[in-house]
Amino acid sequence: MSALRNPGHLAKRVTQTPVLFRNFPTVFRDLGLAGTRWASAEMTFRMRNGYVVTCPNSDGARFPLYEIFGDDAYVLDELLAGVSADATVLDVGGQIGSFSLAVAEAGPGLHVEIYEASPTSADYIARNITTNGLDSRLRVHRAAMAGEEGEFTFFDSGTASGHNGLTAPEWMRDEWKQGQAAGEVTVPARPFDAAVAAAPSAVEVVKMDIEGAEYDVILKSSPSSWTTVKKVVMEYHPVAGHSLDELLAFLGDVGLTPHRHEPGTEAGLGVIWLSRQ
């Protein structure tokens, strides 16, 4: 949700900004000018943990950076507890790479395989990986994850928004259509099974946020591809004809059971964490 639509949310981000970023005066300037004729096209965040992260100067691009490093939205210490030092983490829906960067910081030996459908977002992921010297452990795949090999077509904001995908609300799509880079794109699609097979080590953690495509990806995957997975964190979305119960039944059958659940503000939306007991 845009900070302008939620004053309480804006106040929190104002408080977090000096805590997270060394260049907070510049960040405040760029935030203040966003949406005006003086706005910069990009923002660069010089983080206090040493990372340098660049993204478009749009709310949809930068909010995951705050959520992951400021709010610890994925409860990272818990998510990575008990994971092998050299395991692979699948980041399905990588946006600008915020989650993957956080994983790399928390686990210096972990590998992260990132799947990102938006061409704009994938470009920023690659750029942020290289800027921070992580090319040996983080790899971006410029493809959607889907139920089967082929192609995937969706509406892309062209601004590296974390809301790109099947379930983006109409008011958001209307805002995107005002930008020259927005439009329908078709990209390669890769199934979950192929991602697991291509990983450099055993896949033990799966993070998935793909705006409604999670049903197709998970329900069409092979149970054998989940054998090594110890932890899952997944944002699920309202999709006609599907419900969370389907995903929980499938994942339960492969030995993954929920231990944390944060329902969203609308039916069929939320975040759920699962683990192998």
Protein backbone atom coordinates (compact mmCIF):
# COMPACT_ATOMS: atom_id res chain seq x y z
CA MET A 1 0.00 0.00 0.00
CA SER A 2 1.32 3.46 -0.86
CA ALA A 3 2.56 5.38 2.17
CA LEU A 4 0.38 8.30 1.08
CA ARG A 5 -2.67 6.05 1.55
CA ASN A 6 -1.60 5.14 5.10
CA PRO A 7 -0.14 7.95 7.31
CA GLY A 8 0.81 5.50 10.09
CA HIS A 9 2.80 3.45 7.63
CA LEU A 10 4.55 6.61 6.41
CA ALA A 11 5.54 7.57 9.97
CA LYS A 12 7.12 4.16 10.51
CA ARG A 13 9.15 4.43 7.30
CA VAL A 14 10.35 7.92 8.28
CA THR A 15 11.60 6.52 11.60
CA GLN A 16 13.27 3.51 9.97
CA THR A 17 15.09 5.43 7.25
CA PRO A 18 17.99 6.87 9.35
CA VAL A 19 18.36 3.53 11.12
CA LEU A 20 18.72 1.54 7.91
CA PHE A 21 20.57 3.90 5.56
CA ARG A 22 23.79 5.88 5.90
CA ASN A 23 22.71 8.25 3.12
CA PHE A 24 19.34 8.96 4.74
CA PRO A 25 19.33 12.70 3.81
CA THR A 26 19.51 11.74 0.14
CA VAL A 27 16.88 9.05 0.64
CA PHE A 28 14.52 11.57 2.27
CA ARG A 29 15.12 14.00 -0.59
CA ASP A 30 14.35 11.38 -3.23
CA LEU A 31 11.27 10.18 -1.36
CA GLY A 32 10.01 13.74 -1.05
CA LEU A 33 10.45 14.46 -4.74
CA ALA A 34 8.90 11.19 -5.93
CA GLY A 35 5.96 11.89 -8.21
CA THR A 36 7.11 15.43 -9.02
CA ARG A 37 8.88 16.78 -12.11
CA TRP A 38 12.09 16.96 -10.03
CA ALA A 39 12.03 13.25 -9.13
CA SER A 40 15.07 11.11 -9.86
CA ALA A 41 14.40 7.98 -11.90
CA GLU A 42 16.33 5.79 -9.45
CA MET A 43 17.17 5.66 -5.78
CA THR A 44 20.35 4.30 -4.24
CA PHE A 45 20.27 3.09 -0.64
CA ARG A 46 23.64 2.93 1.14
CA MET A 47 22.77 0.58 3.94
CA ARG A 48 24.38 0.55 7.36
CA ASN A 49 25.18 -3.17 6.92
CA GLY A 50 27.45 -2.25 3.96
CA TYR A 51 25.11 -3.07 1.09
CA VAL A 52 24.45 -0.62 -1.73
CA VAL A 53 21.04 -1.23 -3.33
CA THR A 54 19.57 0.60 -6.32
CA CYS A 55 15.96 0.54 -7.48
CA PRO A 56 13.46 2.70 -9.35
CA ASN A 57 12.12 5.66 -7.39
CA SER A 58 8.69 4.10 -6.89
CA ASP A 59 6.91 2.82 -3.81
CA GLY A 60 6.34 -0.62 -5.31
CA ALA A 61 10.08 -1.07 -5.89
CA ARG A 62 11.44 0.10 -2.55
CA PHE A 63 8.90 -1.22 -0.02
CA PRO A 64 10.38 -4.77 0.16
CA LEU A 65 13.73 -3.23 1.15
CA TYR A 66 12.05 -1.69 4.20
CA GLU A 67 9.95 -4.79 4.92
CA ILE A 68 12.88 -7.20 4.86
CA PHE A 69 15.64 -5.15 6.49
CA GLY A 70 13.45 -2.93 8.67
CA ASP A 71 10.48 -5.14 9.61
CA ASP A 72 12.15 -8.59 9.27
CA ALA A 73 8.99 -9.63 7.44
CA TYR A 74 10.22 -13.17 6.80
CA VAL A 75 11.58 -13.77 10.35
CA LEU A 76 14.91 -14.64 8.80
CA ASP A 77 16.72 -16.10 11.83
CA GLU A 78 13.90 -18.56 12.35
CA LEU A 79 13.64 -19.33 8.64
CA LEU A 80 17.34 -20.21 8.36
CA ALA A 81 17.67 -22.05 11.68
CA GLY A 82 18.82 -25.63 11.16
CA VAL A 83 19.72 -25.10 7.51
CA SER A 84 23.02 -26.52 6.22
CA ALA A 85 25.81 -23.95 5.86
CA ASP A 86 26.13 -24.49 2.09
CA ALA A 87 22.46 -25.11 1.27
CA THR A 88 20.59 -23.48 -1.61
CA VAL A 89 17.72 -21.07 -0.99
CA LEU A 90 15.16 -20.62 -3.78
CA ASP A 91 13.92 -17.04 -3.96
CA VAL A 92 10.88 -17.31 -6.20
CA GLY A 93 9.78 -13.78 -7.04
CA GLY A 94 12.99 -11.89 -6.32
CA GLN A 95 11.81 -8.30 -7.05
CA ILE A 96 15.00 -6.16 -6.66
CA GLY A 97 16.85 -8.81 -4.62
CA SER A 98 16.18 -7.61 -1.07
CA PHE A 99 15.39 -11.04 0.38
CA SER A 100 18.35 -12.68 -1.35
CA LEU A 101 20.73 -10.00 -0.08
CA ALA A 102 19.43 -10.53 3.45
CA VAL A 103 19.96 -14.30 3.14
CA ALA A 104 23.52 -13.77 1.87
CA GLU A 105 24.27 -11.57 4.87
CA ALA A 106 22.76 -14.03 7.37
CA GLY A 107 24.40 -17.14 5.86
CA PRO A 108 27.87 -16.49 4.36
CA GLY A 109 27.99 -19.97 2.79
CA LEU A 110 24.46 -20.12 1.43
CA HIS A 111 23.63 -20.09 -2.27
CA VAL A 112 20.56 -18.26 -3.54
CA GLU A 113 18.84 -19.07 -6.83
CA ILE A 114 16.52 -16.20 -7.77
CA TYR A 115 13.64 -16.49 -10.22
CA GLU A 116 12.19 -13.20 -11.39
CA ALA A 117 9.73 -12.80 -14.26
CA SER A 118 9.85 -9.01 -14.64
CA PRO A 119 12.68 -8.04 -17.02
CA THR A 120 13.08 -4.70 -15.22
CA SER A 121 13.26 -6.31 -11.80
CA ALA A 122 15.71 -8.97 -12.99
CA ASP A 123 18.01 -6.23 -14.30
CA TYR A 124 18.04 -4.57 -10.88
CA ILE A 125 18.66 -7.89 -9.13
CA ALA A 126 21.69 -8.57 -11.33
CA ARG A 127 22.97 -5.06 -10.74
CA ASN A 128 22.57 -5.27 -6.96
CA ILE A 129 24.24 -8.69 -6.83
CA THR A 130 27.29 -7.44 -8.73
CA THR A 131 27.52 -4.14 -6.85
CA ASN A 132 27.76 -6.04 -3.58
CA GLY A 133 30.23 -8.64 -4.81
CA LEU A 134 27.88 -11.63 -4.51
CA ASP A 135 28.02 -13.12 -8.01
CA SER A 136 29.63 -16.31 -6.72
CA ARG A 137 26.68 -17.15 -4.44
CA LEU A 138 23.62 -15.41 -5.87
CA ARG A 139 22.29 -16.12 -9.36
CA VAL A 140 19.29 -14.55 -11.05
CA HIS A 141 17.20 -16.52 -13.56
CA ARG A 142 15.28 -14.22 -15.91
CA ALA A 143 12.21 -16.41 -15.97
CA ALA A 144 8.87 -16.93 -14.32
CA MET A 145 8.32 -20.02 -12.23
CA ALA A 146 5.23 -21.85 -13.46
CA GLY A 147 3.63 -25.27 -13.50
CA GLU A 148 5.39 -26.36 -16.66
CA GLU A 149 8.08 -25.39 -19.14
CA GLY A 150 7.04 -22.79 -21.68
CA GLU A 151 6.18 -19.11 -21.60
CA PHE A 152 4.40 -16.87 -19.11
CA THR A 153 2.53 -13.67 -19.97
CA PHE A 154 1.61 -11.03 -17.40
CA PHE A 155 1.24 -7.28 -16.92
CA ASP A 156 4.56 -5.73 -15.88
CA SER A 157 4.71 -2.28 -14.30
CA GLY A 158 8.16 -1.61 -15.74
CA THR A 159 9.11 -0.15 -12.33
CA ALA A 160 10.36 -3.30 -10.53
CA SER A 161 7.22 -3.33 -8.41
CA GLY A 162 6.83 -6.09 -5.84
CA HIS A 163 3.18 -6.34 -6.93
CA ASN A 164 3.80 -7.44 -10.52
CA GLY A 165 1.75 -10.49 -11.40
CA LEU A 166 -1.67 -12.05 -11.78
CA THR A 167 -3.33 -10.48 -8.75
CA ALA A 168 -2.24 -6.83 -8.97
CA PRO A 169 -5.31 -4.70 -8.13
CA GLU A 170 -6.95 -2.63 -10.83
CA TRP A 171 -6.13 0.73 -9.19
CA MET A 172 -2.46 -0.25 -9.27
CA ARG A 173 -2.60 -1.34 -12.89
CA ASP A 174 -4.24 1.99 -13.76
CA GLU A 175 -1.33 3.84 -12.13
CA TRP A 176 1.20 1.65 -13.97
CA LYS A 177 -0.43 2.31 -17.34
CA GLN A 178 0.55 5.95 -16.99
CA GLY A 179 4.20 4.93 -17.31
CA GLN A 180 5.82 4.34 -20.68
CA ALA A 181 7.56 1.12 -19.57
CA ALA A 182 4.38 -0.61 -18.38
CA GLY A 183 2.73 -3.29 -20.47
CA GLU A 184 2.18 -6.96 -21.11
CA VAL A 185 5.32 -9.06 -21.34
CA THR A 186 6.00 -12.70 -22.22
CA VAL A 187 8.98 -14.41 -20.57
CA PRO A 188 10.33 -17.99 -20.31
CA ALA A 189 8.65 -20.19 -17.70
CA ARG A 190 10.44 -22.83 -15.63
CA PRO A 191 8.82 -25.44 -13.36
CA PHE A 192 9.81 -25.92 -9.72
CA ASP A 193 11.28 -29.34 -10.53
CA ALA A 194 13.72 -27.82 -13.03
CA ALA A 195 14.79 -25.14 -10.52
CA VAL A 196 15.56 -27.77 -7.90
CA ALA A 197 17.51 -29.87 -10.41
CA ALA A 198 19.59 -26.85 -11.48
CA ALA A 199 20.47 -25.72 -7.94
CA PRO A 200 24.17 -25.82 -6.98
CA SER A 201 23.43 -27.66 -3.69
CA ALA A 202 20.46 -29.21 -1.91
CA VAL A 203 17.46 -26.86 -1.83
CA GLU A 204 16.57 -26.51 1.85
CA VAL A 205 14.64 -23.21 1.91
CA VAL A 206 11.95 -21.94 -0.45
CA LYS A 207 10.66 -18.39 -0.34
CA MET A 208 7.77 -17.78 -2.73
CA ASP A 209 5.95 -14.54 -3.52
CA ILE A 210 4.62 -14.70 -7.06
CA GLU A 211 1.29 -12.92 -6.84
CA GLY A 212 -1.09 -15.83 -7.41
CA ALA A 213 1.06 -18.21 -9.48
CA GLU A 214 1.93 -20.24 -6.35
CA TYR A 215 -0.99 -22.63 -6.95
CA ASP A 216 0.19 -23.58 -10.44
CA VAL A 217 3.84 -23.89 -9.36
CA ILE A 218 3.32 -26.01 -6.25
CA LEU A 219 0.38 -28.20 -7.25
CA LYS A 220 2.06 -29.25 -10.53
CA SER A 221 5.45 -29.97 -8.96
CA SER A 222 6.75 -33.45 -8.19
CA PRO A 223 6.68 -34.45 -4.50
CA SER A 224 10.22 -35.78 -4.94
CA SER A 225 11.47 -32.24 -5.62
CA TRP A 226 10.57 -31.30 -2.04
CA THR A 227 12.57 -34.07 -0.36
CA THR A 228 15.43 -31.85 0.86
CA VAL A 229 13.31 -28.77 1.64
CA LYS A 230 13.30 -27.97 5.35
CA LYS A 231 11.64 -24.54 5.41
CA VAL A 232 9.09 -22.68 3.31
CA VAL A 233 7.79 -19.13 3.60
CA MET A 234 5.08 -18.25 1.12
CA GLU A 235 2.77 -15.36 0.40
CA TYR A 236 -0.52 -16.75 -0.90
CA HIS A 237 -3.12 -14.80 -2.84
CA PRO A 238 -6.82 -14.99 -3.68
CA VAL A 239 -7.15 -16.92 -6.95
CA ALA A 240 -10.51 -18.05 -8.29
CA GLY A 241 -11.02 -21.79 -7.93
CA HIS A 242 -8.19 -22.25 -5.40
CA SER A 243 -7.68 -22.02 -1.65
CA LEU A 244 -4.83 -22.23 0.83
CA ASP A 245 -6.08 -25.65 1.93
CA GLU A 246 -4.92 -27.11 -1.41
CA LEU A 247 -1.38 -25.89 -0.87
CA LEU A 248 -1.32 -27.07 2.74
CA ALA A 249 -2.55 -30.53 1.73
CA PHE A 250 0.14 -30.90 -0.93
CA LEU A 251 2.92 -29.61 1.31
CA GLY A 252 1.66 -31.68 4.23
CA ASP A 253 1.95 -34.81 2.09
CA VAL A 254 5.64 -34.04 1.47
CA GLY A 255 6.29 -33.51 5.19
CA LEU A 256 6.01 -29.71 5.53
CA THR A 257 3.59 -28.38 8.14
CA PRO A 258 2.72 -24.79 9.11
CA HIS A 259 4.13 -23.26 12.28
CA ARG A 260 3.43 -19.56 11.70
CA HIS A 261 0.60 -17.84 9.85
CA GLU A 262 -0.16 -14.17 9.23
CA PRO A 263 -3.50 -13.79 7.40
CA GLY A 264 -3.92 -10.68 5.29
CA THR A 265 -6.64 -8.08 5.33
CA GLU A 266 -8.68 -9.84 2.66
CA ALA A 267 -9.81 -13.43 2.30
CA GLY A 268 -7.32 -15.72 0.61
CA LEU A 269 -4.34 -13.45 1.25
CA GLY A 270 -1.54 -13.90 3.76
CA VAL A 271 1.90 -15.26 4.58
CA ILE A 272 2.54 -18.74 5.95
CA TRP A 273 5.67 -20.47 7.22
CA LEU A 274 6.10 -24.26 7.05
CA SER A 275 8.84 -26.57 8.27
CA ARG A 276 9.83 -30.22 8.20
CA GLN A 277 9.57 -31.79 11.63
